[in-house]
PDB file of N, CA and C in Angstrom:
ATOM      1  N   MET A   1      15.393 -15.501   3.039  1.00  0.00           N
ATOM      2  CA  MET A   1      14.258 -14.584   3.131  1.00  0.00           C
ATOM      3  C   MET A   1      14.717 -13.281   3.769  1.00  0.00           C
ATOM      4  N   GLY A   2      14.077 -12.237   3.346  1.00  0.00           N
ATOM      5  CA  GLY A   2      14.357 -10.942   3.925  1.00  0.00           C
ATOM      6  C   GLY A   2      13.134 -10.055   3.800  1.00  0.00           C
ATOM      7  N   LYS A   3      13.209  -8.883   4.394  1.00  0.00           N
ATOM      8  CA  LYS A   3      12.087  -7.946   4.355  1.00  0.00           C
ATOM      9  C   LYS A   3      12.505  -6.673   3.636  1.00  0.00           C
ATOM     10  N   VAL A   4      11.594  -6.175   2.837  1.00  0.00           N
ATOM     11  CA  VAL A   4      11.749  -4.915   2.118  1.00  0.00           C
ATOM     12  C   VAL A   4      10.586  -4.043   2.550  1.00  0.00           C
ATOM     13  N   SER A   5      10.853  -2.777   2.865  1.00  0.00           N
ATOM     14  CA  SER A   5       9.737  -1.929   3.303  1.00  0.00           C
ATOM     15  C   SER A   5       9.855  -0.510   2.760  1.00  0.00           C
ATOM     16  N   LEU A   6       8.697   0.108   2.644  1.00  0.00           N
ATOM     17  CA  LEU A   6       8.561   1.530   2.350  1.00  0.00           C
ATOM     18  C   LEU A   6       7.642   2.071   3.440  1.00  0.00           C
ATOM     19  N   GLU A   7       8.050   3.123   4.100  1.00  0.00           N
ATOM     20  CA  GLU A   7       7.261   3.652   5.211  1.00  0.00           C
ATOM     21  C   GLU A   7       6.981   5.139   5.024  1.00  0.00           C
ATOM     22  N   GLY A   8       5.762   5.510   5.405  1.00  0.00           N
ATOM     23  CA  GLY A   8       5.389   6.921   5.374  1.00  0.00           C
ATOM     24  C   GLY A   8       5.204   7.483   3.985  1.00  0.00           C
ATOM     25  N   ILE A   9       4.763   6.651   3.044  1.00  0.00           N
ATOM     26  CA  ILE A   9       4.495   7.151   1.693  1.00  0.00           C
ATOM     27  C   ILE A   9       3.242   8.021   1.779  1.00  0.00           C
ATOM     28  N   GLU A  10       3.308   9.251   1.289  1.00  0.00           N
ATOM     29  CA  GLU A  10       2.173  10.172   1.397  1.00  0.00           C
ATOM     30  C   GLU A  10       1.616  10.552   0.036  1.00  0.00           C
ATOM     31  N   PHE A  11       0.291  10.653   0.010  1.00  0.00           N
ATOM     32  CA  PHE A  11      -0.418  11.052  -1.201  1.00  0.00           C
ATOM     33  C   PHE A  11      -1.590  11.947  -0.826  1.00  0.00           C
ATOM     34  N   HIS A  12      -1.968  12.804  -1.748  1.00  0.00           N
ATOM     35  CA  HIS A  12      -3.265  13.474  -1.682  1.00  0.00           C
ATOM     36  C   HIS A  12      -4.125  12.734  -2.692  1.00  0.00           C
ATOM     37  N   ALA A  13      -5.258  12.192  -2.218  1.00  0.00           N
ATOM     38  CA  ALA A  13      -6.104  11.385  -3.101  1.00  0.00           C
ATOM     39  C   ALA A  13      -7.568  11.622  -2.760  1.00  0.00           C
ATOM     40  N   TYR A  14      -8.446  11.004  -3.527  1.00  0.00           N
ATOM     41  CA  TYR A  14      -9.881  11.303  -3.469  1.00  0.00           C
ATOM     42  C   TYR A  14     -10.722  10.070  -3.147  1.00  0.00           C
ATOM     43  N   HIS A  15     -10.285   9.281  -2.185  1.00  0.00           N
ATOM     44  CA  HIS A  15     -11.004   8.077  -1.790  1.00  0.00           C
ATOM     45  C   HIS A  15     -11.979   8.388  -0.670  1.00  0.00           C
ATOM     46  N   GLY A  16     -13.127   7.723  -0.696  1.00  0.00           N
ATOM     47  CA  GLY A  16     -14.081   7.864   0.393  1.00  0.00           C
ATOM     48  C   GLY A  16     -15.496   7.584  -0.040  1.00  0.00           C
ATOM     49  N   ALA A  17     -16.321   7.275   0.939  1.00  0.00           N
ATOM     50  CA  ALA A  17     -17.719   6.930   0.679  1.00  0.00           C
ATOM     51  C   ALA A  17     -18.619   8.167   0.590  1.00  0.00           C
ATOM     52  N   TYR A  18     -18.124   9.316   1.050  1.00  0.00           N
ATOM     53  CA  TYR A  18     -18.935  10.527   1.066  1.00  0.00           C
ATOM     54  C   TYR A  18     -18.582  11.436  -0.111  1.00  0.00           C
ATOM     55  N   PRO A  19     -19.588  12.107  -0.692  1.00  0.00           N
ATOM     56  CA  PRO A  19     -19.345  12.944  -1.887  1.00  0.00           C
ATOM     57  C   PRO A  19     -18.248  13.980  -1.695  1.00  0.00           C
ATOM     58  N   GLU A  20     -18.186  14.624  -0.527  1.00  0.00           N
ATOM     59  CA  GLU A  20     -17.176  15.671  -0.314  1.00  0.00           C
ATOM     60  C   GLU A  20     -15.754  15.110  -0.352  1.00  0.00           C
ATOM     61  N   GLU A  21     -15.586  13.836   0.008  1.00  0.00           N
ATOM     62  CA  GLU A  21     -14.247  13.230  -0.026  1.00  0.00           C
ATOM     63  C   GLU A  21     -13.738  13.083  -1.456  1.00  0.00           C
ATOM     64  N   SER A  22     -14.649  12.816  -2.381  1.00  0.00           N
ATOM     65  CA  SER A  22     -14.218  12.659  -3.773  1.00  0.00           C
ATOM     66  C   SER A  22     -14.014  14.002  -4.465  1.00  0.00           C
ATOM     67  N   ILE A  23     -14.446  15.090  -3.812  1.00  0.00           N
ATOM     68  CA  ILE A  23     -14.243  16.423  -4.369  1.00  0.00           C
ATOM     69  C   ILE A  23     -13.022  17.096  -3.741  1.00  0.00           C
ATOM     70  N   LEU A  24     -12.962  17.105  -2.411  1.00  0.00           N
ATOM     71  CA  LEU A  24     -11.885  17.776  -1.686  1.00  0.00           C
ATOM     72  C   LEU A  24     -10.619  16.940  -1.584  1.00  0.00           C
ATOM     73  N   GLY A  25     -10.804  15.635  -1.520  1.00  0.00           N
ATOM     74  CA  GLY A  25      -9.653  14.764  -1.332  1.00  0.00           C
ATOM     75  C   GLY A  25      -9.176  14.779   0.102  1.00  0.00           C
ATOM     76  N   ASN A  26      -8.094  14.058   0.325  1.00  0.00           N
ATOM     77  CA  ASN A  26      -7.568  13.927   1.666  1.00  0.00           C
ATOM     78  C   ASN A  26      -6.118  13.483   1.593  1.00  0.00           C
ATOM     79  N   ARG A  27      -5.446  13.559   2.721  1.00  0.00           N
ATOM     80  CA  ARG A  27      -4.068  13.084   2.827  1.00  0.00           C
ATOM     81  C   ARG A  27      -4.095  11.630   3.287  1.00  0.00           C
ATOM     82  N   PHE A  28      -3.299  10.799   2.625  1.00  0.00           N
ATOM     83  CA  PHE A  28      -3.199   9.384   2.951  1.00  0.00           C
ATOM     84  C   PHE A  28      -1.736   9.039   3.188  1.00  0.00           C
ATOM     85  N   THR A  29      -1.505   8.135   4.123  1.00  0.00           N
ATOM     86  CA  THR A  29      -0.161   7.626   4.396  1.00  0.00           C
ATOM     87  C   THR A  29      -0.207   6.111   4.301  1.00  0.00           C
ATOM     88  N   LEU A  30       0.815   5.537   3.704  1.00  0.00           N
ATOM     89  CA  LEU A  30       0.870   4.095   3.524  1.00  0.00           C
ATOM     90  C   LEU A  30       2.219   3.567   3.981  1.00  0.00           C
ATOM     91  N   ASP A  31       2.184   2.474   4.740  1.00  0.00           N
ATOM     92  CA  ASP A  31       3.387   1.734   5.131  1.00  0.00           C
ATOM     93  C   ASP A  31       3.276   0.342   4.528  1.00  0.00           C
ATOM     94  N   LEU A  32       4.367  -0.150   3.977  1.00  0.00           N
ATOM     95  CA  LEU A  32       4.365  -1.428   3.282  1.00  0.00           C
ATOM     96  C   LEU A  32       5.595  -2.228   3.680  1.00  0.00           C
ATOM     97  N   GLU A  33       5.380  -3.504   3.973  1.00  0.00           N
ATOM     98  CA  GLU A  33       6.490  -4.417   4.253  1.00  0.00           C
ATOM     99  C   GLU A  33       6.248  -5.721   3.507  1.00  0.00           C
ATOM    100  N   LEU A  34       7.266  -6.177   2.791  1.00  0.00           N
ATOM    101  CA  LEU A  34       7.198  -7.430   2.034  1.00  0.00           C
ATOM    102  C   LEU A  34       8.242  -8.389   2.565  1.00  0.00           C
ATOM    103  N   GLU A  35       7.885  -9.659   2.605  1.00  0.00           N
ATOM    104  CA  GLU A  35       8.882 -10.690   2.867  1.00  0.00           C
ATOM    105  C   GLU A  35       9.106 -11.439   1.562  1.00  0.00           C
ATOM    106  N   THR A  36      10.349 -11.501   1.156  1.00  0.00           N
ATOM    107  CA  THR A  36      10.680 -12.102  -0.134  1.00  0.00           C
ATOM    108  C   THR A  36      12.093 -12.682  -0.083  1.00  0.00           C
ATOM    109  N   GLU A  37      12.425 -13.418  -1.085  1.00  0.00           N
ATOM    110  CA  GLU A  37      13.769 -13.991  -1.200  1.00  0.00           C
ATOM    111  C   GLU A  37      14.656 -12.998  -1.953  1.00  0.00           C
ATOM    112  N   PHE A  38      15.704 -12.512  -1.298  1.00  0.00           N
ATOM    113  CA  PHE A  38      16.620 -11.623  -2.010  1.00  0.00           C
ATOM    114  C   PHE A  38      18.091 -11.986  -1.795  1.00  0.00           C
ATOM    115  N   ARG A  39      18.335 -13.242  -1.557  1.00  0.00           N
ATOM    116  CA  ARG A  39      19.706 -13.710  -1.340  1.00  0.00           C
ATOM    117  C   ARG A  39      20.607 -13.392  -2.537  1.00  0.00           C
ATOM    118  N   ASP A  40      20.134 -13.652  -3.767  1.00  0.00           N
ATOM    119  CA  ASP A  40      20.954 -13.371  -4.948  1.00  0.00           C
ATOM    120  C   ASP A  40      21.279 -11.884  -5.071  1.00  0.00           C
ATOM    121  N   ALA A  41      20.324 -11.036  -4.760  1.00  0.00           N
ATOM    122  CA  ALA A  41      20.576  -9.589  -4.803  1.00  0.00           C
ATOM    123  C   ALA A  41      21.627  -9.208  -3.759  1.00  0.00           C
ATOM    124  N   MET A  42      21.517  -9.811  -2.599  1.00  0.00           N
ATOM    125  CA  MET A  42      22.443  -9.537  -1.504  1.00  0.00           C
ATOM    126  C   MET A  42      23.874  -9.953  -1.884  1.00  0.00           C
ATOM    127  N   LEU A  43      23.985 -11.105  -2.530  1.00  0.00           N
ATOM    128  CA  LEU A  43      25.308 -11.630  -2.868  1.00  0.00           C
ATOM    129  C   LEU A  43      25.907 -11.032  -4.137  1.00  0.00           C
ATOM    130  N   HIS A  44      25.036 -10.639  -5.085  1.00  0.00           N
ATOM    131  CA  HIS A  44      25.544 -10.240  -6.399  1.00  0.00           C
ATOM    132  C   HIS A  44      25.227  -8.801  -6.796  1.00  0.00           C
ATOM    133  N   ASP A  45      24.655  -8.032  -5.888  1.00  0.00           N
ATOM    134  CA  ASP A  45      24.364  -6.621  -6.156  1.00  0.00           C
ATOM    135  C   ASP A  45      23.542  -6.458  -7.439  1.00  0.00           C
ATOM    136  N   ASP A  46      22.461  -7.260  -7.537  1.00  0.00           N
ATOM    137  CA  ASP A  46      21.647  -7.306  -8.750  1.00  0.00           C
ATOM    138  C   ASP A  46      20.211  -6.886  -8.435  1.00  0.00           C
ATOM    139  N   LEU A  47      19.788  -5.738  -8.943  1.00  0.00           N
ATOM    140  CA  LEU A  47      18.443  -5.212  -8.694  1.00  0.00           C
ATOM    141  C   LEU A  47      17.359  -6.158  -9.195  1.00  0.00           C
ATOM    142  N   LYS A  48      17.622  -6.875 -10.275  1.00  0.00           N
ATOM    143  CA  LYS A  48      16.622  -7.791 -10.831  1.00  0.00           C
ATOM    144  C   LYS A  48      16.339  -8.980  -9.903  1.00  0.00           C
ATOM    145  N   ALA A  49      17.189  -9.194  -8.926  1.00  0.00           N
ATOM    146  CA  ALA A  49      17.031 -10.321  -8.013  1.00  0.00           C
ATOM    147  C   ALA A  49      16.293  -9.939  -6.727  1.00  0.00           C
ATOM    148  N   THR A  50      15.715  -8.755  -6.709  1.00  0.00           N
ATOM    149  CA  THR A  50      14.985  -8.303  -5.523  1.00  0.00           C
ATOM    150  C   THR A  50      13.785  -7.476  -5.952  1.00  0.00           C
ATOM    151  N   VAL A  51      13.134  -6.877  -4.990  1.00  0.00           N
ATOM    152  CA  VAL A  51      11.986  -6.011  -5.231  1.00  0.00           C
ATOM    153  C   VAL A  51      12.499  -4.590  -5.439  1.00  0.00           C
ATOM    154  N   ASP A  52      12.114  -3.991  -6.538  1.00  0.00           N
ATOM    155  CA  ASP A  52      12.531  -2.629  -6.882  1.00  0.00           C
ATOM    156  C   ASP A  52      11.584  -1.635  -6.208  1.00  0.00           C
ATOM    157  N   TYR A  53      12.111  -0.801  -5.316  1.00  0.00           N
ATOM    158  CA  TYR A  53      11.284   0.170  -4.586  1.00  0.00           C
ATOM    159  C   TYR A  53      10.528   1.096  -5.516  1.00  0.00           C
ATOM    160  N   SER A  54      11.163   1.469  -6.628  1.00  0.00           N
ATOM    161  CA  SER A  54      10.493   2.398  -7.551  1.00  0.00           C
ATOM    162  C   SER A  54       9.283   1.727  -8.211  1.00  0.00           C
ATOM    163  N   VAL A  55       9.357   0.432  -8.443  1.00  0.00           N
ATOM    164  CA  VAL A  55       8.205  -0.292  -8.989  1.00  0.00           C
ATOM    165  C   VAL A  55       7.087  -0.334  -7.950  1.00  0.00           C
ATOM    166  N   LEU A  56       7.426  -0.620  -6.703  1.00  0.00           N
ATOM    167  CA  LEU A  56       6.418  -0.611  -5.631  1.00  0.00           C
ATOM    168  C   LEU A  56       5.735   0.749  -5.550  1.00  0.00           C
ATOM    169  N   TYR A  57       6.528   1.811  -5.596  1.00  0.00           N
ATOM    170  CA  TYR A  57       5.960   3.164  -5.519  1.00  0.00           C
ATOM    171  C   TYR A  57       4.999   3.420  -6.681  1.00  0.00           C
ATOM    172  N   ARG A  58       5.391   3.037  -7.890  1.00  0.00           N
ATOM    173  CA  ARG A  58       4.517   3.239  -9.056  1.00  0.00           C
ATOM    174  C   ARG A  58       3.219   2.445  -8.931  1.00  0.00           C
ATOM    175  N   ILE A  59       3.301   1.233  -8.409  1.00  0.00           N
ATOM    176  CA  ILE A  59       2.101   0.423  -8.192  1.00  0.00           C
ATOM    177  C   ILE A  59       1.161   1.147  -7.232  1.00  0.00           C
ATOM    178  N   ILE A  60       1.701   1.605  -6.123  1.00  0.00           N
ATOM    179  CA  ILE A  60       0.886   2.278  -5.106  1.00  0.00           C
ATOM    180  C   ILE A  60       0.311   3.572  -5.660  1.00  0.00           C
ATOM    181  N   LYS A  61       1.147   4.369  -6.302  1.00  0.00           N
ATOM    182  CA  LYS A  61       0.677   5.641  -6.862  1.00  0.00           C
ATOM    183  C   LYS A  61      -0.429   5.411  -7.888  1.00  0.00           C
ATOM    184  N   GLY A  62      -0.256   4.397  -8.733  1.00  0.00           N
ATOM    185  CA  GLY A  62      -1.280   4.094  -9.731  1.00  0.00           C
ATOM    186  C   GLY A  62      -2.621   3.795  -9.091  1.00  0.00           C
ATOM    187  N   ARG A  63      -2.626   3.066  -8.005  1.00  0.00           N
ATOM    188  CA  ARG A  63      -3.875   2.761  -7.303  1.00  0.00           C
ATOM    189  C   ARG A  63      -4.405   3.968  -6.541  1.00  0.00           C
ATOM    190  N   MET A  64      -3.541   4.792  -6.008  1.00  0.00           N
ATOM    191  CA  MET A  64      -3.986   5.983  -5.276  1.00  0.00           C
ATOM    192  C   MET A  64      -4.653   6.982  -6.221  1.00  0.00           C
ATOM    193  N   ASP A  65      -4.312   6.936  -7.491  1.00  0.00           N
ATOM    194  CA  ASP A  65      -4.874   7.857  -8.480  1.00  0.00           C
ATOM    195  C   ASP A  65      -6.284   7.476  -8.939  1.00  0.00           C
ATOM    196  N   VAL A  66      -6.744   6.275  -8.598  1.00  0.00           N
ATOM    197  CA  VAL A  66      -8.067   5.804  -9.022  1.00  0.00           C
ATOM    198  C   VAL A  66      -8.991   5.778  -7.810  1.00  0.00           C
ATOM    199  N   LYS A  67     -10.066   6.582  -7.843  1.00  0.00           N
ATOM    200  CA  LYS A  67     -10.983   6.706  -6.707  1.00  0.00           C
ATOM    201  C   LYS A  67     -11.675   5.387  -6.371  1.00  0.00           C
ATOM    202  N   VAL A  68     -11.697   5.082  -5.081  1.00  0.00           N
ATOM    203  CA  VAL A  68     -12.510   3.980  -4.548  1.00  0.00           C
ATOM    204  C   VAL A  68     -13.177   4.484  -3.276  1.00  0.00           C
ATOM    205  N   LYS A  69     -14.187   3.772  -2.815  1.00  0.00           N
ATOM    206  CA  LYS A  69     -14.894   4.188  -1.610  1.00  0.00           C
ATOM    207  C   LYS A  69     -14.192   3.744  -0.333  1.00  0.00           C
ATOM    208  N   LEU A  70     -13.695   2.519  -0.305  1.00  0.00           N
ATOM    209  CA  LEU A  70     -13.216   1.927   0.943  1.00  0.00           C
ATOM    210  C   LEU A  70     -11.711   1.703   0.963  1.00  0.00           C
ATOM    211  N   LEU A  71     -11.094   2.012   2.098  1.00  0.00           N
ATOM    212  CA  LEU A  71      -9.666   1.755   2.272  1.00  0.00           C
ATOM    213  C   LEU A  71      -9.371   0.258   2.157  1.00  0.00           C
ATOM    214  N   GLU A  72     -10.282  -0.571   2.640  1.00  0.00           N
ATOM    215  CA  GLU A  72     -10.096  -2.016   2.557  1.00  0.00           C
ATOM    216  C   GLU A  72      -9.941  -2.466   1.103  1.00  0.00           C
ATOM    217  N   HIS A  73     -10.783  -1.927   0.236  1.00  0.00           N
ATOM    218  CA  HIS A  73     -10.726  -2.283  -1.184  1.00  0.00           C
ATOM    219  C   HIS A  73      -9.443  -1.755  -1.820  1.00  0.00           C
ATOM    220  N   LEU A  74      -9.088  -0.540  -1.497  1.00  0.00           N
ATOM    221  CA  LEU A  74      -7.857   0.055  -2.024  1.00  0.00           C
ATOM    222  C   LEU A  74      -6.647  -0.773  -1.615  1.00  0.00           C
ATOM    223  N   GLY A  75      -6.576  -1.144  -0.350  1.00  0.00           N
ATOM    224  CA  GLY A  75      -5.466  -1.970   0.127  1.00  0.00           C
ATOM    225  C   GLY A  75      -5.408  -3.303  -0.592  1.00  0.00           C
ATOM    226  N   HIS A  76      -6.557  -3.914  -0.793  1.00  0.00           N
ATOM    227  CA  HIS A  76      -6.626  -5.196  -1.509  1.00  0.00           C
ATOM    228  C   HIS A  76      -6.093  -5.048  -2.939  1.00  0.00           C
ATOM    229  N   LEU A  77      -6.490  -3.990  -3.626  1.00  0.00           N
ATOM    230  CA  LEU A  77      -6.023  -3.774  -5.001  1.00  0.00           C
ATOM    231  C   LEU A  77      -4.507  -3.597  -5.052  1.00  0.00           C
ATOM    232  N   ILE A  78      -3.960  -2.877  -4.084  1.00  0.00           N
ATOM    233  CA  ILE A  78      -2.505  -2.676  -4.028  1.00  0.00           C
ATOM    234  C   ILE A  78      -1.803  -4.015  -3.803  1.00  0.00           C
ATOM    235  N   VAL A  79      -2.307  -4.808  -2.859  1.00  0.00           N
ATOM    236  CA  VAL A  79      -1.719  -6.124  -2.590  1.00  0.00           C
ATOM    237  C   VAL A  79      -1.754  -6.996  -3.838  1.00  0.00           C
ATOM    238  N   GLN A  80      -2.881  -7.023  -4.540  1.00  0.00           N
ATOM    239  CA  GLN A  80      -3.004  -7.840  -5.748  1.00  0.00           C
ATOM    240  C   GLN A  80      -2.014  -7.393  -6.823  1.00  0.00           C
ATOM    241  N   ASP A  81      -1.845  -6.083  -6.989  1.00  0.00           N
ATOM    242  CA  ASP A  81      -0.899  -5.572  -7.988  1.00  0.00           C
ATOM    243  C   ASP A  81       0.544  -5.933  -7.625  1.00  0.00           C
ATOM    244  N   ILE A  82       0.870  -5.878  -6.340  1.00  0.00           N
ATOM    245  CA  ILE A  82       2.224  -6.252  -5.904  1.00  0.00           C
ATOM    246  C   ILE A  82       2.472  -7.736  -6.165  1.00  0.00           C
ATOM    247  N   LEU A  83       1.489  -8.571  -5.852  1.00  0.00           N
ATOM    248  CA  LEU A  83       1.641 -10.008  -6.090  1.00  0.00           C
ATOM    249  C   LEU A  83       1.774 -10.324  -7.581  1.00  0.00           C
ATOM    250  N   GLU A  84       1.103  -9.551  -8.405  1.00  0.00           N
ATOM    251  CA  GLU A  84       1.228  -9.745  -9.848  1.00  0.00           C
ATOM    252  C   GLU A  84       2.636  -9.372 -10.325  1.00  0.00           C
ATOM    253  N   ALA A  85       3.171  -8.285  -9.794  1.00  0.00           N
ATOM    254  CA  ALA A  85       4.506  -7.834 -10.191  1.00  0.00           C
ATOM    255  C   ALA A  85       5.609  -8.700  -9.583  1.00  0.00           C
ATOM    256  N   TYR A  86       5.371  -9.191  -8.361  1.00  0.00           N
ATOM    257  CA  TYR A  86       6.374  -9.977  -7.632  1.00  0.00           C
ATOM    258  C   TYR A  86       5.731 -11.237  -7.068  1.00  0.00           C
ATOM    259  N   PRO A  87       5.491 -12.236  -7.914  1.00  0.00           N
ATOM    260  CA  PRO A  87       4.779 -13.438  -7.476  1.00  0.00           C
ATOM    261  C   PRO A  87       5.507 -14.270  -6.423  1.00  0.00           C
ATOM    262  N   LYS A  88       6.796 -14.057  -6.238  1.00  0.00           N
ATOM    263  CA  LYS A  88       7.548 -14.805  -5.219  1.00  0.00           C
ATOM    264  C   LYS A  88       7.421 -14.192  -3.822  1.00  0.00           C
ATOM    265  N   THR A  89       6.641 -13.129  -3.705  1.00  0.00           N
ATOM    266  CA  THR A  89       6.435 -12.487  -2.409  1.00  0.00           C
ATOM    267  C   THR A  89       5.725 -13.457  -1.475  1.00  0.00           C
ATOM    268  N   LYS A  90       6.281 -13.662  -0.286  1.00  0.00           N
ATOM    269  CA  LYS A  90       5.726 -14.618   0.683  1.00  0.00           C
ATOM    270  C   LYS A  90       4.718 -13.966   1.614  1.00  0.00           C
ATOM    271  N   GLU A  91       4.991 -12.741   2.021  1.00  0.00           N
ATOM    272  CA  GLU A  91       4.105 -12.027   2.941  1.00  0.00           C
ATOM    273  C   GLU A  91       4.074 -10.552   2.575  1.00  0.00           C
ATOM    274  N   ILE A  92       2.930  -9.929   2.814  1.00  0.00           N
ATOM    275  CA  ILE A  92       2.778  -8.477   2.642  1.00  0.00           C
ATOM    276  C   ILE A  92       2.035  -7.955   3.858  1.00  0.00           C
ATOM    277  N   ARG A  93       2.533  -6.881   4.415  1.00  0.00           N
ATOM    278  CA  ARG A  93       1.830  -6.154   5.473  1.00  0.00           C
ATOM    279  C   ARG A  93       1.676  -4.716   5.006  1.00  0.00           C
ATOM    280  N   LEU A  94       0.441  -4.270   4.920  1.00  0.00           N
ATOM    281  CA  LEU A  94       0.145  -2.935   4.409  1.00  0.00           C
ATOM    282  C   LEU A  94      -0.731  -2.208   5.421  1.00  0.00           C
ATOM    283  N   THR A  95      -0.352  -0.999   5.775  1.00  0.00           N
ATOM    284  CA  THR A  95      -1.177  -0.137   6.618  1.00  0.00           C
ATOM    285  C   THR A  95      -1.481   1.116   5.822  1.00  0.00           C
ATOM    286  N   LEU A  96      -2.767   1.427   5.700  1.00  0.00           N
ATOM    287  CA  LEU A  96      -3.222   2.574   4.928  1.00  0.00           C
ATOM    288  C   LEU A  96      -4.015   3.488   5.846  1.00  0.00           C
ATOM    289  N   LYS A  97      -3.586   4.753   5.950  1.00  0.00           N
ATOM    290  CA  LYS A  97      -4.223   5.722   6.842  1.00  0.00           C
ATOM    291  C   LYS A  97      -4.824   6.874   6.051  1.00  0.00           C
ATOM    292  N   LYS A  98      -6.030   7.257   6.440  1.00  0.00           N
ATOM    293  CA  LYS A  98      -6.673   8.462   5.899  1.00  0.00           C
ATOM    294  C   LYS A  98      -6.640   9.503   7.019  1.00  0.00           C
ATOM    295  N   HIS A  99      -5.950  10.594   6.792  1.00  0.00           N
ATOM    296  CA  HIS A  99      -5.803  11.630   7.811  1.00  0.00           C
ATOM    297  C   HIS A  99      -7.042  12.517   7.858  1.00  0.00           C
ATOM    298  N   GLY A 100      -7.493  12.838   9.062  1.00  0.00           N
ATOM    299  CA  GLY A 100      -8.647  13.725   9.238  1.00  0.00           C
ATOM    300  C   GLY A 100      -9.889  13.251   8.521  1.00  0.00           C
ATOM    301  N   PRO A 101     -10.317  12.003   8.723  1.00  0.00           N
ATOM    302  CA  PRO A 101     -11.494  11.506   8.002  1.00  0.00           C
ATOM    303  C   PRO A 101     -12.744  12.315   8.341  1.00  0.00           C
ATOM    304  N   ALA A 102     -13.664  12.377   7.396  1.00  0.00           N
ATOM    305  CA  ALA A 102     -14.899  13.162   7.542  1.00  0.00           C
ATOM    306  C   ALA A 102     -15.885  12.414   8.445  1.00  0.00           C
ATOM    307  N   LEU A 103     -15.693  12.542   9.757  1.00  0.00           N
ATOM    308  CA  LEU A 103     -16.542  11.844  10.717  1.00  0.00           C
ATOM    309  C   LEU A 103     -17.341  12.799  11.605  1.00  0.00           C
ATOM    310  N   GLY A 104     -17.210  14.081  11.381  1.00  0.00           N
ATOM    311  CA  GLY A 104     -17.956  15.052  12.169  1.00  0.00           C
ATOM    312  C   GLY A 104     -17.264  15.489  13.446  1.00  0.00           C
ATOM    313  N   GLY A 105     -16.049  15.054  13.652  1.00  0.00           N
ATOM    314  CA  GLY A 105     -15.282  15.446  14.839  1.00  0.00           C
ATOM    315  C   GLY A 105     -13.805  15.306  14.547  1.00  0.00           C
ATOM    316  N   LEU A 106     -13.006  15.678  15.517  1.00  0.00           N
ATOM    317  CA  LEU A 106     -11.554  15.639  15.349  1.00  0.00           C
ATOM    318  C   LEU A 106     -11.046  14.198  15.498  1.00  0.00           C
ATOM    319  N   VAL A 107     -10.535  13.655  14.394  1.00  0.00           N
ATOM    320  CA  VAL A 107      -9.949  12.317  14.369  1.00  0.00           C
ATOM    321  C   VAL A 107      -8.638  12.432  13.608  1.00  0.00           C
ATOM    322  N   LYS A 108      -7.549  11.994  14.227  1.00  0.00           N
ATOM    323  CA  LYS A 108      -6.245  12.106  13.579  1.00  0.00           C
ATOM    324  C   LYS A 108      -6.216  11.323  12.267  1.00  0.00           C
ATOM    325  N   TYR A 109      -6.613  10.057  12.307  1.00  0.00           N
ATOM    326  CA  TYR A 109      -6.706   9.269  11.079  1.00  0.00           C
ATOM    327  C   TYR A 109      -7.532   8.017  11.315  1.00  0.00           C
ATOM    328  N   SER A 110      -8.059   7.492  10.221  1.00  0.00           N
ATOM    329  CA  SER A 110      -8.639   6.148  10.223  1.00  0.00           C
ATOM    330  C   SER A 110      -7.640   5.272   9.470  1.00  0.00           C
ATOM    331  N   ALA A 111      -7.641   3.964   9.761  1.00  0.00           N
ATOM    332  CA  ALA A 111      -6.636   3.106   9.141  1.00  0.00           C
ATOM    333  C   ALA A 111      -7.160   1.693   8.956  1.00  0.00           C
ATOM    334  N   VAL A 112      -6.582   1.030   7.967  1.00  0.00           N
ATOM    335  CA  VAL A 112      -6.784  -0.409   7.794  1.00  0.00           C
ATOM    336  C   VAL A 112      -5.413  -1.056   7.681  1.00  0.00           C
ATOM    337  N   GLN A 113      -5.344  -2.283   8.155  1.00  0.00           N
ATOM    338  CA  GLN A 113      -4.141  -3.092   8.001  1.00  0.00           C
ATOM    339  C   GLN A 113      -4.541  -4.355   7.261  1.00  0.00           C
ATOM    340  N   ILE A 114      -3.773  -4.680   6.240  1.00  0.00           N
ATOM    341  CA  ILE A 114      -4.029  -5.876   5.450  1.00  0.00           C
ATOM    342  C   ILE A 114      -2.762  -6.714   5.471  1.00  0.00           C
ATOM    343  N   GLN A 115      -2.944  -8.012   5.721  1.00  0.00           N
ATOM    344  CA  GLN A 115      -1.813  -8.936   5.733  1.00  0.00           C
ATOM    345  C   GLN A 115      -2.078 -10.070   4.757  1.00  0.00           C
ATOM    346  N   TYR A 116      -1.119 -10.266   3.887  1.00  0.00           N
ATOM    347  CA  TYR A 116      -1.172 -11.392   2.968  1.00  0.00           C
ATOM    348  C   TYR A 116      -0.154 -12.414   3.454  1.00  0.00           C
ATOM    349  N   PRO A 117      -0.434 -13.665   3.597  1.00  0.00           N
ATOM    350  CA  PRO A 117      -1.626 -14.370   3.145  1.00  0.00           C
ATOM    351  C   PRO A 117      -2.746 -14.484   4.180  1.00  0.00           C
ATOM    352  N   GLU A 118      -2.546 -14.030   5.423  1.00  0.00           N
ATOM    353  CA  GLU A 118      -3.526 -14.242   6.487  1.00  0.00           C
ATOM    354  C   GLU A 118      -4.935 -13.768   6.118  1.00  0.00           C
ATOM    355  N   ASP A 119      -5.070 -12.567   5.584  1.00  0.00           N
ATOM    356  CA  ASP A 119      -6.385 -12.020   5.266  1.00  0.00           C
ATOM    357  C   ASP A 119      -6.982 -12.627   3.995  1.00  0.00           C
ATOM    358  N   TYR A 120      -6.234 -13.484   3.323  1.00  0.00           N
ATOM    359  CA  TYR A 120      -6.693 -14.090   2.077  1.00  0.00           C
ATOM    360  C   TYR A 120      -6.952 -15.588   2.225  1.00  0.00           C
ATOM    361  N   ALA A 121      -6.883 -16.087   3.434  1.00  0.00           N
ATOM    362  CA  ALA A 121      -7.070 -17.537   3.682  1.00  0.00           C
ATOM    363  C   ALA A 121      -8.551 -17.891   3.656  1.00  0.00           C
TER     364      ALA A 121
END
């Protein structure tokens, strides 16, 4: 077992429960960590035997491009897409941050953390 991660992935996207969020958009940051088996990749230098970072990025970008209201739902959709692409994934930890959320005051970011399988039990 080993861990694969992507940290500080940034997007401008249009997620949120308020109308202005779907018009103006916002900056989002995502951190992702997967636990998976990559012994064969480690021993044989074979990309097919591990998780391809570019595939993870495309999965995340694809979901960031589709508007949703809640970060919780967005995170869930990303986790489900990763599990579909990499069914041997044992654990996923995802942190999704919305910078400067529309709360009427100065807030650096709002965030959700989703852990698979814990949050899916």
